C-alpha atoms as a PDB file:
ATOM      1  CA  MET A   1       5.458 -20.346 -74.286  1.00  0.00           C
ATOM      2  CA  TYR A   2       9.077 -19.750 -73.259  1.00  0.00           C
ATOM      3  CA  MET A   3      11.252 -17.063 -74.791  1.00  0.00           C
ATOM      4  CA  TYR A   4      14.898 -17.893 -74.478  1.00  0.00           C
ATOM      5  CA  GLY A   5      17.384 -15.044 -74.345  1.00  0.00           C
ATOM      6  CA  HIS A   6      15.104 -12.437 -72.785  1.00  0.00           C
ATOM      7  CA  GLY A   7      15.095 -13.646 -69.162  1.00  0.00           C
ATOM      8  CA  MET A   8      17.694 -13.308 -66.424  1.00  0.00           C
ATOM      9  CA  ASN A   9      20.814 -15.382 -66.720  1.00  0.00           C
ATOM     10  CA  GLY A  10      23.385 -16.246 -64.030  1.00  0.00           C
ATOM     11  CA  TRP A  11      24.807 -12.724 -63.947  1.00  0.00           C
ATOM     12  CA  GLY A  12      21.368 -11.218 -63.471  1.00  0.00           C
ATOM     13  CA  TYR A  13      20.739 -13.413 -60.437  1.00  0.00           C
ATOM     14  CA  ALA A  14      24.203 -12.585 -59.057  1.00  0.00           C
ATOM     15  CA  PHE A  15      23.636  -8.819 -59.404  1.00  0.00           C
ATOM     16  CA  MET A  16      20.162  -9.128 -57.912  1.00  0.00           C
ATOM     17  CA  ALA A  17      21.573 -11.021 -54.904  1.00  0.00           C
ATOM     18  CA  LEU A  18      24.371  -8.474 -54.426  1.00  0.00           C
ATOM     19  CA  GLY A  19      21.942  -5.578 -54.744  1.00  0.00           C
ATOM     20  CA  THR A  20      19.605  -7.091 -52.179  1.00  0.00           C
ATOM     21  CA  LEU A  21      22.500  -7.784 -49.817  1.00  0.00           C
ATOM     22  CA  GLY A  22      23.781  -4.221 -50.258  1.00  0.00           C
ATOM     23  CA  PHE A  23      20.334  -2.743 -49.630  1.00  0.00           C
ATOM     24  CA  TRP A  24      19.820  -4.641 -46.373  1.00  0.00           C
ATOM     25  CA  THR A  25      23.363  -3.810 -45.271  1.00  0.00           C
ATOM     26  CA  LEU A  26      22.623  -0.104 -45.719  1.00  0.00           C
ATOM     27  CA  VAL A  27      19.347  -0.476 -43.807  1.00  0.00           C
ATOM     28  CA  ALA A  28      21.180  -2.196 -40.933  1.00  0.00           C
ATOM     29  CA  ILE A  29      23.908   0.473 -40.857  1.00  0.00           C
ATOM     30  CA  ALA A  30      21.299   3.242 -40.778  1.00  0.00           C
ATOM     31  CA  ALA A  31      19.430   1.520 -37.939  1.00  0.00           C
ATOM     32  CA  VAL A  32      22.606   1.136 -35.881  1.00  0.00           C
ATOM     33  CA  ALA A  33      23.530   4.775 -36.501  1.00  0.00           C
ATOM     34  CA  LEU A  34      20.093   5.928 -35.343  1.00  0.00           C
ATOM     35  CA  VAL A  35      20.218   3.809 -32.190  1.00  0.00           C
ATOM     36  CA  ARG A  36      23.699   4.987 -31.246  1.00  0.00           C
ATOM     37  CA  ARG A  37      22.858   8.654 -31.817  1.00  0.00           C
ATOM     38  CA  ARG A  38      21.063   9.284 -28.568  1.00  0.00           C
ATOM     39  CA  PRO A  39      20.250  12.815 -27.521  1.00  0.00           C
ATOM     40  CA  ALA A  40      22.499  14.265 -24.868  1.00  0.00           C
ATOM     41  CA  ALA A  41      21.208  14.442 -21.329  1.00  0.00           C
ATOM     42  CA  GLY A  42      21.729  18.192 -21.352  1.00  0.00           C
ATOM     43  CA  PRO A  43      24.574  20.504 -20.517  1.00  0.00           C
ATOM     44  CA  HIS A  44      26.816  19.338 -17.710  1.00  0.00           C
ATOM     45  CA  VAL A  45      26.590  21.720 -14.792  1.00  0.00           C
ATOM     46  CA  PRO A  46      29.402  21.101 -12.341  1.00  0.00           C
ATOM     47  CA  GLY A  47      28.463  21.006  -8.698  1.00  0.00           C
ATOM     48  CA  PRO A  48      30.295  22.753  -5.911  1.00  0.00           C
ATOM     49  CA  SER A  49      33.846  21.695  -5.174  1.00  0.00           C
ATOM     50  CA  PRO A  50      34.585  19.736  -2.001  1.00  0.00           C
ATOM     51  CA  GLN A  51      36.167  22.870  -0.527  1.00  0.00           C
ATOM     52  CA  GLN A  52      33.008  24.864  -1.184  1.00  0.00           C
ATOM     53  CA  LEU A  53      30.892  22.149   0.434  1.00  0.00           C
ATOM     54  CA  LEU A  54      33.151  22.124   3.464  1.00  0.00           C
ATOM     55  CA  ALA A  55      32.972  25.902   3.761  1.00  0.00           C
ATOM     56  CA  SER A  56      29.240  26.266   3.222  1.00  0.00           C
ATOM     57  CA  GLY A  57      27.527  23.453   5.026  1.00  0.00           C
ATOM     58  CA  SER A  58      29.801  21.747   7.431  1.00  0.00           C
ATOM     59  CA  ARG A  59      29.484  21.937  11.154  1.00  0.00           C
ATOM     60  CA  ALA A  60      33.232  22.587  11.328  1.00  0.00           C
ATOM     61  CA  ALA A  61      33.011  25.721   9.198  1.00  0.00           C
ATOM     62  CA  ARG A  62      30.374  27.220  11.454  1.00  0.00           C
ATOM     63  CA  SER A  63      31.891  26.452  14.822  1.00  0.00           C
ATOM     64  CA  ASP A  64      35.575  25.608  14.910  1.00  0.00           C
ATOM     65  CA  ASP A  65      38.207  27.144  12.631  1.00  0.00           C
ATOM     66  CA  ASP A  66      40.815  24.509  13.527  1.00  0.00           C
ATOM     67  CA  GLU A  67      38.510  21.681  12.513  1.00  0.00           C
ATOM     68  CA  TYR A  68      37.659  23.472   9.259  1.00  0.00           C
ATOM     69  CA  TYR A  69      41.312  23.956   8.329  1.00  0.00           C
ATOM     70  CA  ARG A  70      42.087  20.357   9.288  1.00  0.00           C
ATOM     71  CA  GLY A  71      39.346  19.202   6.913  1.00  0.00           C
ATOM     72  CA  LEU A  72      40.615  21.541   4.211  1.00  0.00           C
ATOM     73  CA  GLY A  73      44.131  20.155   4.621  1.00  0.00           C
ATOM     74  CA  THR A  74      42.762  16.630   4.359  1.00  0.00           C
ATOM     75  CA  LEU A  75      41.036  17.519   1.088  1.00  0.00           C
ATOM     76  CA  GLU A  76      44.213  19.039  -0.342  1.00  0.00           C
ATOM     77  CA  GLN A  77      46.524  16.192   0.737  1.00  0.00           C
ATOM     78  CA  GLY A  78      44.082  13.401  -0.052  1.00  0.00           C
ATOM     79  CA  GLU A  79      44.711  11.636   3.242  1.00  0.00           C
ATOM     80  CA  PRO A  80      41.901  10.200   5.325  1.00  0.00           C
ATOM     81  CA  PRO A  81      41.163  12.134   8.507  1.00  0.00           C
ATOM     82  CA  HIS A  82      42.814  10.949  11.711  1.00  0.00           C
ATOM     83  CA  LYS A  83      40.684  10.429  14.769  1.00  0.00           C
ATOM     84  CA  THR A  84      42.044  12.431  17.686  1.00  0.00           C
ATOM     85  CA  ARG A  85      39.484  11.410  20.237  1.00  0.00           C
END
């Protein structure tokens, strides 16, 4: 037995479709937000500067002051070193 007037009409189906579309849109937005929110790799700890590396570990810093200062000047000017030999 059918009861006319108590079921969904065209507007009911339209609102149901819009509600379903809105729900799945919100689910997709939440999923994208969760994927993009990655935990940070940790605090950035800067390494030693090029000048500190030159002073601490280079052969030039331990043996020859002229070679050390030549390398330091190259770092400050940004020019490639010139071969003198």
